[in-house]
Structures are given as structure tokens and as C-alpha cells.
Amino acid sequence: MANEAQSHSAVAHANGVVAMRLAAIVESSTDAIIGKSLDGTIESWNAGAVNLYGYSAAEAIGQQISTLLPKGSEDELPALMARINAGERISNYETIRVTKDGQCVNVALTISPIIDGEGKVVGAATIARDITKQKRADEVLRTLSNMEATTLLAGGVAHDLNNLMAAVLGNAELLALELRDRPASMESVDVILTSAQMAGRLAQELLAFARGGRHESAVVNMNNIVQQVLALQTKLLPPGVTVTKRLNADLHNVEADPTQMNQVLHNLLMNAMEAIDGRGEIVVSTSNVDLTEAMAAEHLGMKPGPHVLVTVSDDGVGMSKSVIDNIFKPFFSTKGFGRGLGLAAVYGIAKNHDGNVYAESLDANGASISFYLPATSRKADGSLRNRIGESKGSETILVVDDEAQLLMLNRRILEASGYHVLTARDGAEALRVAEEFKGDIHLVVLDMAMPVMDGAKAFTLIKQVRPTCKVIISSGYDLNEMVRSLLESGADAFLQKPFRLADLTSEVRRLLDLQKSGNEKVI
């Protein structure tokens, strides 16, 4: 009997040690571990539960677990407990719970039945893990993935639209030359010209969204951009709408395209104006922001370091969460008359400049859009190049484009200006012409996107055969990294389609005059 008593005592001691260890593990866990009876009464509450939900153990124990459920989800608990009563273990159940201060948190629950010595379910043990940040990151990644697919589509559409409009614009300009003594006919031609230019601007907004590149990148101060845009925009303000400036006098410079920065401010101001119904205020502010590692992680795609922040706020109608989720997508608009490209262009320009843009709003209490750009310590650049020059000449020019209409159009206008024009439909044919033509080829107008051999490969090979010829890169896309690389490798200029014929002839003449004078190129 003594031995049996000692054995029972040892078992009890061992069980006690195990229980103490389990209690220590439960208490030290960063996850919320909660024990509750079958009627939902909380019986145990560890430190992880205190941290997650905000209630102390004294406040929680004895209360109903339904205290943590958000309104409208009362049916969730009976369904879960029915499964536990049946002896089921529930793993990784994602739901929403409410903290002591009323905040909703995303949690992943693992719920196990508590079984007594007779095999009867007497309660449930719940392990809750906060997955709010993970859900937010997953949502951002999904949004970015969708936006990337949309930018690819937008870039392709803009490229094709630019090529089509280049043909329309060019032929309309040729008609204008032939019909300049017939005023009635010129009215129709003017309508075609205006419409083609408007379509070209539409394509520019699509390209801006698609992050197509930047033209004249320079060191600028966003305070100057704000002042320039407001000087023009305030004249367009509806009655009752005022603009307040809050500009940081010591604002850092940024490296950016001044034209696109003007477009950003214009689009943000237009969006704010349209949000105000009647009387209201728009606030434009600038500030220096030093993004920490943690802040950069929250703003996916951004890097830590000094940034310039431009914010345009309004006290208008505000935006719902669903609107904020879609506000930067092309063709999304809350206005029946809008194209939905203004803020999409802002998004593309921000991403193209290694920055970002964010919208915030409280329903019916106004909205703000924040535009981030990396700061630079460089000083402001000087003036841009002067492209004025005579357009006529007699040199030999090779025009390379896979679009038959554009090839014919560019040939006609250059021949009308006195040049001898050679043509090719792709890079391989252009290379053959460069190798076989007996005379000098003074300049090449080279399209980028072509079958057989694209413009980038053709450029390298043509320059090997004709090292002294000037090269103008032409593309329906914007000044992207590939084009920028070619400009750094020896290409002399870039023309984006659709361009005016006068732009082509003046740029050709400028480069040929530089070639004659032996001056360096100007980019």
C-alpha cells in the first residue's frame, strides 16, 4: 500500500509539473490563448490576449466571448461551437474581432475542444493570431499586381493610338498645305488636326499612367511648380472655392520632369475642384519627409530616405473605401463626364519617378492625395535646349518604320523639304540599305518597335556601318529606359509619336546643322 501511495504521489507531482510548464508556455505565448466553456464564458485569458484585445484578464474572465464579435456576426459563434461540440478541431479560421477600444482586427483562429476524463467535450481552447498587417500587405500586393497588368495594357493601347494618330495628324497637315487657299475645306482640316491632337494628349495620359518615361528630367523645386500651376489654375476656380498654400520654405529639390510635375499638380487640383460642391477650400502643402525603414515598408515600393511630399486636400464630398481602392486605375471615374485618366496619370508619373501617391478620406469629410518624390541634394538645372532652326535641306535621310502610312507620310514631308529620302520597313532592311547605298547617309529616323529586327538592335549595327550619321529615335511609347540608353549610347534625339511634321523637319535640320558645324549634340 505504501508503494502504491508513493506511486500515486509521484504521478500527481509529475502532472503538476507538466501543468505548470503548460501554464508558463501559454502565458508567455505572443498569440492570444483563451479558454471558454461551452456556453461561451471566458475561463482563461493569457498575456497574448491582453495585448491583442486590450482587456485585462480580470476584465475578460467571466465575460461572454461574444463581446469580441463585431456587430452583424452574432450567428458565427453558435456555428463554431456546434462544430466543437461534435469534437471537430478548427484550424486557421480567418475572421474579424473587435478590441476594447473598438478597433477591428483580422485574426486567424485555431479552436480545439477541451475533453474531460470521460471523453466529454466540456469547453474550447482558442489560439488567435493577429494577421491584420499580413492581410493589408496581401491586399497591397494584389492591388499592385492588378495595376501592373493594367499599366502593360495601357502602354500598349497608347502606343498603337499614337501610331494611328501620327498618320492622321501628318496627312491632315499635308492636306492643310494643299488646301490653304480654300477656306471652306480648311475648316474641316482644322477639325481633323484638333481632334488628332486631342487624341494624342489622351494617349499621353495613358502613357503617363503606364510609366512610359520622362522627357526633360531636371532638378526642380516643387514649390516653384506649385506656384506656376496655381498662377494659371486659380483663374479657373469655381465661385466660392478658395486655395490655401502651405509651402515649406526650405523644401528639398527633386529630380523630375517639370512638364509632368505640372501635369500632376494640374490633375490633383482639378480632382479637388470637382469634389467641392458649392463653397469649399483646397489646401496645397509641401514638406520634407524622411522615410524610415518602417514607413517605407508601409508604403510598398518606396525606399527609406529623404523625400518631398506634396499634398492636395479638399473639404468636399470625400471618398469611400471602394473609391480609394480604384481611384488610380485608368477609366475609373465617379463623374459621368470624366475619362478617369487624370489620377491614373498621377499614379504613373509618381511610380516612374521612384515615388508614390496615396489617397485618404473620411466619407463626406473631404479627401487628400499625397504625392511622394525622392529628394536630391543637387542644385536646380539651367534652361532647356533651343530647337529652332531652318527646316529645308538636300541631304540623304533614311526613314525606318514598319507602319506603311507613317513611312509614306514622313517620306513625303521630307522630300517636300528638299531631302533625298531612303526607306525601310524594319531594322534588317534598314541595315541592308545602310550597307549597300553608295552615297552618304546623313541622318536616320529610326522607329523602335518593329518586326524582324527592332530599333535598338538596328541602331547598334547601323552605327557600326555609318558611324557619322545622326540618328533620331521615334516611338509611340514615351522616353523609356531603352530609348534613354540609346541616347546615352550615341543616338541624337527622340521624337514621340504623334509628332507634328514641323517638329520632324526642324529636328532633322537642327541635327544636320550640328553635324556640319562639328558641335556636340544637345539632349
Protein backbone atom coordinates (compact mmCIF):
# COMPACT_ATOMS: atom_id res chain seq x y z
CA MET A 1 0.00 0.00 0.00
CA ALA A 2 2.83 2.34 0.83
CA ASN A 3 4.41 1.74 -2.57
CA GLU A 4 1.07 2.37 -4.28
CA ALA A 5 0.62 5.64 -2.39
CA GLN A 6 4.12 6.74 -3.32
CA SER A 7 3.39 5.91 -6.97
CA HIS A 8 0.20 8.00 -6.96
CA SER A 9 2.08 10.84 -5.31
CA ALA A 10 4.82 10.74 -7.98
CA VAL A 11 2.25 10.77 -10.78
CA ALA A 12 0.46 13.70 -9.18
CA HIS A 13 3.71 15.56 -8.80
CA ALA A 14 4.64 14.88 -12.43
CA ASN A 15 1.22 16.03 -13.61
CA GLY A 16 1.60 19.16 -11.55
CA VAL A 17 4.98 19.92 -13.11
CA VAL A 18 3.53 19.39 -16.60
CA ALA A 19 0.58 21.63 -15.78
CA MET A 20 2.91 24.36 -14.52
CA ARG A 21 5.03 24.14 -17.65
CA LEU A 22 1.97 24.27 -19.90
CA ALA A 23 0.68 27.28 -17.97
CA ALA A 24 4.05 29.03 -18.38
CA ILE A 25 4.07 28.29 -22.12
CA VAL A 26 0.51 29.57 -22.50
CA GLU A 27 1.26 32.73 -20.55
CA SER A 28 4.46 33.51 -22.47
CA SER A 29 2.92 32.99 -25.92
CA THR A 30 2.58 36.09 -28.11
CA ASP A 31 -0.62 34.60 -29.55
CA ALA A 32 -3.90 35.11 -27.72
CA ILE A 33 -4.83 31.83 -25.97
CA ILE A 34 -8.32 31.75 -24.49
CA GLY A 35 -10.23 29.02 -22.70
CA LYS A 36 -14.02 29.13 -22.62
CA SER A 37 -16.94 26.97 -21.56
CA LEU A 38 -19.49 25.59 -23.99
CA ASP A 39 -21.85 28.48 -23.27
CA GLY A 40 -19.13 30.95 -24.35
CA THR A 41 -17.99 32.13 -20.90
CA ILE A 42 -14.30 33.08 -20.85
CA GLU A 43 -12.41 31.00 -18.26
CA SER A 44 -8.76 31.76 -19.06
CA TRP A 45 -7.03 34.69 -20.72
CA ASN A 46 -3.26 34.89 -21.31
CA ALA A 47 -0.92 37.88 -21.81
CA GLY A 48 -1.17 37.50 -25.61
CA ALA A 49 -4.93 38.00 -25.34
CA VAL A 50 -4.36 41.12 -23.24
CA ASN A 51 -2.04 42.54 -25.94
CA LEU A 52 -4.33 41.64 -28.83
CA TYR A 53 -7.74 42.62 -27.47
CA GLY A 54 -6.85 45.21 -24.80
CA TYR A 55 -8.87 43.67 -21.96
CA SER A 56 -7.04 42.62 -18.80
CA ALA A 57 -7.56 39.07 -17.52
CA ALA A 58 -9.72 40.42 -14.70
CA GLU A 59 -11.91 42.28 -17.20
CA ALA A 60 -12.25 39.34 -19.57
CA ILE A 61 -12.68 36.25 -17.38
CA GLY A 62 -16.34 35.60 -16.66
CA GLN A 63 -17.50 37.62 -19.68
CA GLN A 64 -19.03 36.18 -22.84
CA ILE A 65 -16.68 35.56 -25.79
CA SER A 66 -19.33 37.23 -27.96
CA THR A 67 -18.01 40.55 -26.57
CA LEU A 68 -15.22 40.26 -29.14
CA LEU A 69 -17.54 39.77 -32.14
CA PRO A 70 -18.33 42.70 -34.46
CA LYS A 71 -21.96 43.68 -34.95
CA GLY A 72 -23.74 41.59 -37.53
CA SER A 73 -21.71 38.42 -36.93
CA GLU A 74 -23.71 37.03 -34.00
CA ASP A 75 -24.51 33.83 -35.94
CA GLU A 76 -20.80 32.96 -36.28
CA LEU A 77 -20.27 31.78 -32.69
CA PRO A 78 -23.10 29.19 -32.45
CA ALA A 79 -21.94 27.65 -35.74
CA LEU A 80 -18.35 27.35 -34.48
CA MET A 81 -19.39 25.91 -31.11
CA ALA A 82 -21.60 23.32 -32.81
CA ARG A 83 -18.54 22.06 -34.66
CA ILE A 84 -16.51 21.98 -31.40
CA ASN A 85 -19.31 20.08 -29.64
CA ALA A 86 -19.05 17.47 -32.37
CA GLY A 87 -15.39 17.02 -31.46
CA GLU A 88 -14.01 18.87 -34.52
CA ARG A 89 -10.77 20.86 -34.37
CA ILE A 90 -10.94 24.07 -36.42
CA SER A 91 -7.67 25.30 -37.91
CA ASN A 92 -6.69 28.65 -39.46
CA TYR A 93 -10.19 30.10 -39.41
CA GLU A 94 -9.89 33.74 -40.60
CA THR A 95 -12.36 36.23 -39.21
CA ILE A 96 -12.65 39.68 -37.59
CA ARG A 97 -12.70 40.50 -33.89
CA VAL A 98 -13.17 43.80 -32.01
CA THR A 99 -10.71 45.17 -29.44
CA LYS A 100 -11.54 47.03 -26.22
CA ASP A 101 -11.11 50.41 -27.97
CA GLY A 102 -13.48 49.42 -30.80
CA GLN A 103 -10.86 48.65 -33.47
CA CYS A 104 -11.44 45.73 -35.82
CA VAL A 105 -8.57 43.27 -36.22
CA ASN A 106 -8.12 40.40 -38.64
CA VAL A 107 -7.36 37.16 -36.77
CA ALA A 108 -6.64 33.55 -37.67
CA LEU A 109 -8.20 31.18 -35.12
CA THR A 110 -7.37 27.62 -34.16
CA ILE A 111 -10.14 26.23 -31.92
CA SER A 112 -9.81 22.85 -30.18
CA PRO A 113 -12.34 21.04 -27.99
CA ILE A 114 -11.45 20.57 -24.30
CA ILE A 115 -12.30 16.96 -23.34
CA ASP A 116 -12.63 15.65 -19.78
CA GLY A 117 -11.52 12.26 -18.45
CA GLU A 118 -14.72 10.63 -19.65
CA GLY A 119 -14.24 11.82 -23.26
CA LYS A 120 -16.89 14.51 -22.99
CA VAL A 121 -16.44 17.96 -24.58
CA VAL A 122 -16.61 20.49 -21.76
CA GLY A 123 -15.19 23.63 -23.38
CA ALA A 124 -12.96 25.06 -26.10
CA ALA A 125 -9.42 26.42 -26.31
CA THR A 126 -8.81 29.17 -28.86
CA ILE A 127 -5.48 30.37 -30.22
CA ALA A 128 -5.86 33.72 -32.03
CA ARG A 129 -3.13 35.27 -34.15
CA ASP A 130 -3.28 38.89 -35.38
CA ILE A 131 -3.00 38.84 -39.20
CA THR A 132 -4.10 42.44 -39.81
CA LYS A 133 -0.72 43.55 -41.20
CA GLN A 134 -0.42 40.41 -43.30
CA LYS A 135 -3.90 40.95 -44.78
CA ARG A 136 -3.08 44.57 -45.51
CA ALA A 137 0.20 43.59 -47.21
CA ASP A 138 -1.58 40.89 -49.26
CA GLU A 139 -4.17 43.44 -50.34
CA VAL A 140 -1.46 45.91 -51.39
CA LEU A 141 0.35 43.19 -53.35
CA ARG A 142 -2.87 42.19 -55.13
CA THR A 143 -3.56 45.82 -55.96
CA LEU A 144 -0.03 46.31 -57.29
CA SER A 145 -0.30 43.14 -59.37
CA ASN A 146 -3.57 44.33 -60.88
CA MET A 147 -2.10 47.76 -61.52
CA GLU A 148 0.96 46.26 -63.22
CA ALA A 149 -1.26 44.28 -65.60
CA THR A 150 -3.31 47.40 -66.28
CA THR A 151 -0.22 49.53 -66.96
CA LEU A 152 1.01 46.98 -69.50
CA LEU A 153 -2.34 47.11 -71.29
CA ALA A 154 -2.48 50.92 -71.12
CA GLY A 155 1.03 51.26 -72.53
CA GLY A 156 0.21 49.01 -75.49
CA VAL A 157 -3.04 50.84 -76.23
CA ALA A 158 -1.30 54.23 -76.04
CA HIS A 159 1.49 53.05 -78.37
CA ASP A 160 -0.99 51.89 -81.03
CA LEU A 161 -3.13 55.01 -80.59
CA ASN A 162 -0.06 57.22 -81.01
CA ASN A 163 0.88 55.46 -84.26
CA LEU A 164 -2.65 55.84 -85.64
CA MET A 165 -2.84 59.50 -84.64
CA ALA A 166 0.57 60.17 -86.16
CA ALA A 167 -0.79 59.08 -89.54
CA VAL A 168 -3.98 61.13 -89.10
CA LEU A 169 -2.11 64.22 -87.94
CA GLY A 170 0.53 64.03 -90.64
CA ASN A 171 -1.89 63.55 -93.50
CA ALA A 172 -4.08 66.36 -92.18
CA GLU A 173 -1.04 68.66 -92.18
CA LEU A 174 -0.27 67.73 -95.79
CA LEU A 175 -3.89 68.43 -96.71
CA ALA A 176 -3.63 71.79 -94.98
CA LEU A 177 -0.65 72.68 -97.18
CA GLU A 178 -2.55 71.73 -100.33
CA LEU A 179 -5.84 73.39 -99.31
CA ARG A 180 -4.55 76.58 -97.72
CA ASP A 181 -6.21 78.69 -100.45
CA ARG A 182 -9.62 77.01 -99.89
CA PRO A 183 -11.01 78.33 -96.57
CA ALA A 184 -14.14 76.13 -96.58
CA SER A 185 -12.09 72.95 -96.90
CA MET A 186 -9.54 74.19 -94.34
CA GLU A 187 -12.27 74.35 -91.69
CA SER A 188 -12.72 70.57 -91.96
CA VAL A 189 -8.96 70.02 -91.94
CA ASP A 190 -8.66 72.14 -88.78
CA VAL A 191 -11.24 69.92 -87.07
CA ILE A 192 -9.21 66.84 -88.02
CA LEU A 193 -6.00 68.43 -86.74
CA THR A 194 -7.57 69.47 -83.44
CA SER A 195 -9.16 66.05 -82.89
CA ALA A 196 -5.90 64.25 -83.67
CA GLN A 197 -4.01 66.42 -81.20
CA MET A 198 -6.65 65.76 -78.52
CA ALA A 199 -6.32 62.02 -79.13
CA GLY A 200 -2.56 62.42 -78.84
CA ARG A 201 -2.98 64.09 -75.44
CA LEU A 202 -5.26 61.25 -74.37
CA ALA A 203 -2.50 58.80 -75.30
CA GLN A 204 -0.03 60.89 -73.27
CA GLU A 205 -2.19 60.47 -70.18
CA LEU A 206 -2.33 56.72 -70.78
CA LEU A 207 1.45 56.63 -71.19
CA ALA A 208 1.92 58.64 -68.02
CA PHE A 209 -0.12 56.02 -66.15
CA ALA A 210 1.89 53.25 -67.83
CA ARG A 211 5.13 54.84 -66.55
CA GLY A 212 6.40 55.47 -70.04
CA GLY A 213 9.38 57.59 -69.02
CA ARG A 214 10.20 61.25 -68.66
CA HIS A 215 11.34 63.76 -71.24
CA GLU A 216 13.44 66.58 -69.85
CA SER A 217 14.47 65.30 -66.41
CA ALA A 218 15.85 68.20 -64.38
CA VAL A 219 16.47 69.30 -60.81
CA VAL A 220 13.39 71.25 -59.76
CA ASN A 221 11.80 72.61 -56.61
CA MET A 222 8.16 71.58 -56.18
CA ASN A 223 7.35 74.95 -54.57
CA ASN A 224 8.08 76.58 -57.95
CA ILE A 225 5.86 74.03 -59.71
CA VAL A 226 3.03 74.73 -57.27
CA GLN A 227 3.37 78.49 -57.79
CA GLN A 228 3.40 78.12 -61.59
CA VAL A 229 0.33 75.90 -61.70
CA LEU A 230 -1.65 77.94 -59.18
CA ALA A 231 -0.93 81.14 -61.12
CA LEU A 232 -2.89 79.64 -64.02
CA GLN A 233 -5.30 77.37 -62.19
CA THR A 234 -6.72 79.90 -59.75
CA LYS A 235 -8.26 81.72 -62.73
CA LEU A 236 -10.36 78.59 -63.34
CA LEU A 237 -11.61 78.22 -59.76
CA PRO A 238 -15.40 77.96 -59.44
CA PRO A 239 -17.08 80.74 -57.43
CA GLY A 240 -16.86 80.01 -53.71
CA VAL A 241 -13.75 77.81 -53.93
CA THR A 242 -10.53 79.13 -52.41
CA VAL A 243 -6.96 77.79 -52.46
CA THR A 244 -4.61 77.98 -49.47
CA LYS A 245 -0.85 77.41 -49.86
CA ARG A 246 1.27 75.95 -47.08
CA LEU A 247 4.71 75.66 -48.62
CA ASN A 248 7.88 74.67 -46.77
CA ALA A 249 10.37 77.48 -47.37
CA ASP A 250 13.32 75.03 -47.06
CA LEU A 251 11.87 72.38 -49.36
CA HIS A 252 14.40 69.95 -50.86
CA ASN A 253 14.84 69.71 -54.62
CA VAL A 254 13.78 66.66 -56.66
CA GLU A 255 14.92 65.21 -59.98
CA ALA A 256 11.84 65.20 -62.17
CA ASP A 257 10.31 66.18 -65.48
CA PRO A 258 8.97 69.74 -64.99
CA THR A 259 6.21 69.23 -67.57
CA GLN A 260 4.98 66.07 -65.87
CA MET A 261 5.15 67.74 -62.46
CA ASN A 262 2.93 70.49 -63.83
CA GLN A 263 0.57 67.79 -65.07
CA VAL A 264 0.48 66.16 -61.63
CA LEU A 265 -0.43 69.42 -59.85
CA HIS A 266 -2.97 70.31 -62.52
CA ASN A 267 -4.69 66.92 -62.25
CA LEU A 268 -4.72 66.95 -58.43
CA LEU A 269 -6.21 70.45 -58.37
CA MET A 270 -8.86 69.51 -60.93
CA ASN A 271 -9.79 66.47 -58.86
CA ALA A 272 -10.11 68.62 -55.73
CA MET A 273 -12.21 71.24 -57.53
CA GLU A 274 -14.62 68.60 -58.82
CA ALA A 275 -15.01 67.18 -55.28
CA ILE A 276 -16.32 70.50 -53.90
CA ASP A 277 -19.99 71.20 -54.40
CA GLY A 278 -20.58 74.89 -53.83
CA ARG A 279 -18.28 76.59 -51.34
CA GLY A 280 -15.08 75.00 -50.10
CA GLU A 281 -11.32 75.17 -49.63
CA ILE A 282 -8.40 73.45 -51.30
CA VAL A 283 -5.12 73.29 -49.39
CA VAL A 284 -1.84 72.68 -51.25
CA SER A 285 1.07 71.90 -48.95
CA THR A 286 4.69 70.85 -49.36
CA SER A 287 7.03 69.35 -46.78
CA ASN A 288 10.21 67.35 -46.31
CA VAL A 289 9.70 63.79 -45.08
CA ASP A 290 12.41 61.35 -44.02
CA LEU A 291 11.03 57.85 -44.61
CA THR A 292 12.25 55.31 -42.07
CA GLU A 293 12.55 51.60 -42.83
CA ALA A 294 9.19 51.02 -41.14
CA MET A 295 7.47 53.83 -43.07
CA ALA A 296 8.91 52.60 -46.38
CA ALA A 297 7.63 49.10 -45.60
CA GLU A 298 4.13 50.51 -45.14
CA HIS A 299 4.41 52.37 -48.47
CA LEU A 300 5.21 49.36 -50.65
CA GLY A 301 7.63 50.12 -53.48
CA MET A 302 9.29 53.09 -51.75
CA LYS A 303 12.81 53.27 -50.32
CA PRO A 304 13.88 54.79 -47.00
CA GLY A 305 15.46 58.24 -47.06
CA PRO A 306 14.58 61.91 -47.62
CA HIS A 307 11.50 62.63 -49.71
CA VAL A 308 9.47 65.63 -50.75
CA LEU A 309 5.75 65.40 -50.02
CA VAL A 310 3.14 67.41 -51.92
CA THR A 311 -0.41 67.13 -50.58
CA VAL A 312 -3.60 68.49 -52.12
CA SER A 313 -6.56 68.40 -49.71
CA ASP A 314 -10.15 69.49 -50.08
CA ASP A 315 -13.21 69.69 -47.84
CA GLY A 316 -15.51 68.27 -50.50
CA VAL A 317 -17.67 65.15 -50.66
CA GLY A 318 -14.92 62.73 -49.64
CA MET A 319 -14.29 59.21 -50.96
CA SER A 320 -15.47 55.79 -49.83
CA LYS A 321 -13.01 52.92 -49.34
CA SER A 322 -14.13 51.35 -52.62
CA VAL A 323 -13.41 54.61 -54.45
CA ILE A 324 -9.96 54.90 -52.84
CA ASP A 325 -9.20 51.30 -53.86
CA ASN A 326 -9.89 52.16 -57.51
CA ILE A 327 -9.11 55.88 -57.75
CA PHE A 328 -5.77 55.48 -59.58
CA LYS A 329 -7.00 52.95 -62.15
CA PRO A 330 -7.49 54.24 -65.70
CA PHE A 331 -11.08 54.85 -66.85
CA PHE A 332 -12.39 54.75 -63.27
CA SER A 333 -14.42 57.87 -62.56
CA THR A 334 -17.13 58.84 -60.10
CA LYS A 335 -18.25 61.57 -62.52
CA GLY A 336 -20.36 60.84 -65.57
CA PHE A 337 -18.35 63.31 -67.66
CA GLY A 338 -14.85 62.14 -66.68
CA ARG A 339 -12.45 59.91 -68.65
CA GLY A 340 -10.86 58.59 -65.47
CA LEU A 341 -7.29 59.25 -66.61
CA GLY A 342 -6.24 62.25 -64.53
CA LEU A 343 -5.32 60.40 -61.33
CA ALA A 344 -4.16 57.36 -63.29
CA ALA A 345 -1.59 59.65 -64.93
CA VAL A 346 -0.56 60.95 -61.49
CA TYR A 347 0.00 57.36 -60.33
CA GLY A 348 2.13 56.50 -63.37
CA ILE A 349 4.23 59.65 -63.09
CA ALA A 350 4.83 59.02 -59.37
CA LYS A 351 5.95 55.43 -59.93
CA ASN A 352 8.10 56.45 -62.90
CA HIS A 353 9.94 58.94 -60.68
CA ASP A 354 10.56 56.30 -57.95
CA GLY A 355 7.88 57.91 -55.80
CA ASN A 356 4.31 57.04 -54.89
CA VAL A 357 0.86 58.55 -54.42
CA TYR A 358 -1.77 57.82 -51.77
CA ALA A 359 -5.37 58.88 -51.22
CA GLU A 360 -7.01 59.31 -47.83
CA SER A 361 -10.55 60.30 -46.93
CA LEU A 362 -13.27 60.23 -44.33
CA ASP A 363 -16.64 59.81 -46.03
CA ALA A 364 -18.31 63.18 -46.60
CA ASN A 365 -15.44 64.95 -44.81
CA GLY A 366 -13.11 65.79 -47.65
CA ALA A 367 -10.10 63.99 -49.05
CA SER A 368 -6.37 64.40 -49.50
CA ILE A 369 -3.94 62.99 -52.04
CA SER A 370 -0.26 62.81 -51.11
CA PHE A 371 2.44 62.70 -53.79
CA TYR A 372 5.91 61.50 -52.69
CA LEU A 373 9.18 62.08 -54.61
CA PRO A 374 12.75 61.19 -53.57
CA ALA A 375 14.71 64.31 -52.60
CA THR A 376 18.07 65.27 -54.11
CA SER A 377 20.92 67.45 -52.87
CA ARG A 378 21.65 68.69 -56.40
CA LYS A 379 21.06 72.30 -57.38
CA ALA A 380 18.48 73.34 -60.00
CA ASP A 381 19.40 72.82 -63.65
CA GLY A 382 19.64 75.50 -66.30
CA SER A 383 17.41 76.13 -69.29
CA LEU A 384 16.29 73.51 -71.80
CA ARG A 385 17.58 73.26 -75.33
CA ASN A 386 16.58 75.51 -78.18
CA ARG A 387 15.21 73.55 -81.12
CA ILE A 388 14.55 76.33 -83.59
CA GLY A 389 16.16 76.10 -87.00
CA GLU A 390 15.63 76.10 -90.74
CA SER A 391 13.75 73.05 -91.99
CA LYS A 392 14.84 72.63 -95.62
CA GLY A 393 17.88 70.80 -96.96
CA SER A 394 19.28 68.43 -99.59
CA GLU A 395 20.97 65.69 -97.53
CA THR A 396 20.13 61.98 -97.64
CA ILE A 397 17.87 60.65 -94.90
CA LEU A 398 16.94 57.03 -94.14
CA VAL A 399 13.45 56.64 -92.63
CA VAL A 400 12.74 53.32 -90.90
CA ASP A 401 9.19 52.42 -89.76
CA ASP A 402 7.02 49.30 -90.03
CA GLU A 403 3.85 51.42 -90.36
CA ALA A 404 3.37 51.90 -94.12
CA GLN A 405 1.30 55.08 -93.74
CA LEU A 406 3.82 56.73 -91.46
CA LEU A 407 6.70 55.70 -93.70
CA MET A 408 5.00 57.24 -96.73
CA LEU A 409 3.98 60.33 -94.78
CA ASN A 410 7.46 61.06 -93.40
CA ARG A 411 8.98 60.45 -96.83
CA ARG A 412 6.58 62.91 -98.47
CA ILE A 413 7.19 65.71 -95.98
CA LEU A 414 10.98 65.28 -96.05
CA GLU A 415 11.08 65.15 -99.85
CA ALA A 416 8.88 68.26 -99.91
CA SER A 417 11.57 69.92 -97.80
CA GLY A 418 14.23 69.04 -100.39
CA TYR A 419 15.82 65.93 -98.84
CA HIS A 420 16.73 62.70 -100.62
CA VAL A 421 14.82 60.01 -98.72
CA LEU A 422 15.53 56.28 -98.41
CA THR A 423 13.02 53.99 -96.64
CA ALA A 424 12.98 50.64 -94.84
CA ARG A 425 10.18 48.64 -93.16
CA ASP A 426 12.25 47.00 -90.41
CA GLY A 427 15.69 47.06 -88.81
CA ALA A 428 17.15 44.31 -91.02
CA GLU A 429 16.09 46.11 -94.21
CA ALA A 430 17.49 49.37 -92.83
CA LEU A 431 20.83 47.68 -92.19
CA ARG A 432 20.91 46.39 -95.78
CA VAL A 433 20.21 49.89 -97.11
CA ALA A 434 22.96 51.32 -94.88
CA GLU A 435 25.44 48.72 -96.18
CA GLU A 436 24.51 48.85 -99.88
CA PHE A 437 23.75 52.53 -100.54
CA LYS A 438 26.74 54.06 -102.33
CA GLY A 439 26.44 57.65 -101.17
CA ASP A 440 26.40 59.30 -97.76
CA ILE A 441 23.51 58.77 -95.36
CA HIS A 442 23.46 61.86 -93.21
CA LEU A 443 20.62 61.02 -90.82
CA VAL A 444 18.37 58.09 -89.84
CA VAL A 445 14.85 58.40 -88.43
CA LEU A 446 14.51 55.07 -86.61
CA ASP A 447 11.32 53.58 -85.16
CA MET A 448 11.75 51.41 -82.05
CA ALA A 449 9.03 48.72 -82.20
CA MET A 450 9.42 46.77 -85.46
CA PRO A 451 9.31 43.11 -86.56
CA VAL A 452 12.36 41.10 -87.80
CA MET A 453 14.81 43.49 -86.07
CA ASP A 454 13.79 46.19 -83.62
CA GLY A 455 15.15 49.71 -83.49
CA ALA A 456 17.51 49.13 -80.55
CA LYS A 457 19.44 46.34 -82.31
CA ALA A 458 19.31 48.13 -85.67
CA PHE A 459 20.77 51.29 -84.09
CA THR A 460 23.92 49.48 -82.93
CA LEU A 461 24.50 47.78 -86.29
CA ILE A 462 23.75 50.87 -88.40
CA LYS A 463 26.16 52.98 -86.32
CA GLN A 464 28.87 50.40 -86.97
CA VAL A 465 28.31 50.77 -90.72
CA ARG A 466 27.61 54.54 -90.70
CA PRO A 467 29.34 55.90 -87.58
CA THR A 468 28.98 59.58 -88.53
CA CYS A 469 25.26 59.62 -89.37
CA LYS A 470 22.86 61.31 -86.99
CA VAL A 471 20.01 59.21 -85.52
CA ILE A 472 16.56 60.31 -84.37
CA ILE A 473 14.75 57.67 -82.30
CA SER A 474 10.98 57.62 -82.90
CA SER A 475 8.40 55.72 -80.85
CA GLY A 476 4.74 55.58 -79.92
CA TYR A 477 5.93 54.94 -76.36
CA ASP A 478 7.36 57.63 -74.13
CA LEU A 479 11.04 58.23 -73.39
CA ASN A 480 11.58 54.90 -71.60
CA GLU A 481 14.78 53.33 -70.30
CA MET A 482 15.59 51.66 -73.63
CA VAL A 483 15.38 54.95 -75.53
CA ARG A 484 17.33 56.72 -72.79
CA SER A 485 20.02 54.05 -73.07
CA LEU A 486 20.27 54.62 -76.84
CA LEU A 487 20.55 58.37 -76.32
CA GLU A 488 23.41 57.75 -73.91
CA SER A 489 25.00 55.37 -76.45
CA GLY A 490 25.05 57.90 -79.29
CA ALA A 491 21.53 58.48 -80.60
CA ASP A 492 20.99 62.19 -81.12
CA ALA A 493 17.31 62.93 -80.45
CA PHE A 494 13.93 61.45 -79.62
CA LEU A 495 10.55 62.22 -81.20
CA GLN A 496 7.44 60.73 -79.67
CA LYS A 497 4.51 59.90 -81.92
CA PRO A 498 2.28 61.55 -82.85
CA PHE A 499 4.57 64.47 -83.67
CA ARG A 500 3.88 67.43 -85.90
CA LEU A 501 5.61 67.34 -89.26
CA ALA A 502 7.17 70.69 -88.40
CA ASP A 503 8.77 69.02 -85.36
CA LEU A 504 10.31 66.36 -87.60
CA THR A 505 11.69 68.78 -90.19
CA SER A 506 13.04 71.24 -87.61
CA GLU A 507 14.74 68.46 -85.62
CA VAL A 508 16.27 66.98 -88.78
CA ARG A 509 17.62 70.38 -89.77
CA ARG A 510 18.96 71.10 -86.29
CA LEU A 511 20.94 67.86 -86.18
CA LEU A 512 22.27 68.21 -89.70
CA ASP A 513 23.44 71.73 -88.94
CA LEU A 514 25.21 70.41 -85.82
CA GLN A 515 26.86 67.77 -87.99
CA LYS A 516 28.16 70.41 -90.37
CA SER A 517 29.44 72.67 -87.61
CA GLY A 518 31.00 69.80 -85.69
CA ASN A 519 29.22 70.82 -82.49
CA GLU A 520 28.23 68.33 -79.83
CA LYS A 521 24.64 67.15 -79.69
CA VAL A 522 22.16 68.68 -77.28
CA ILE A 523 19.83 66.38 -75.37
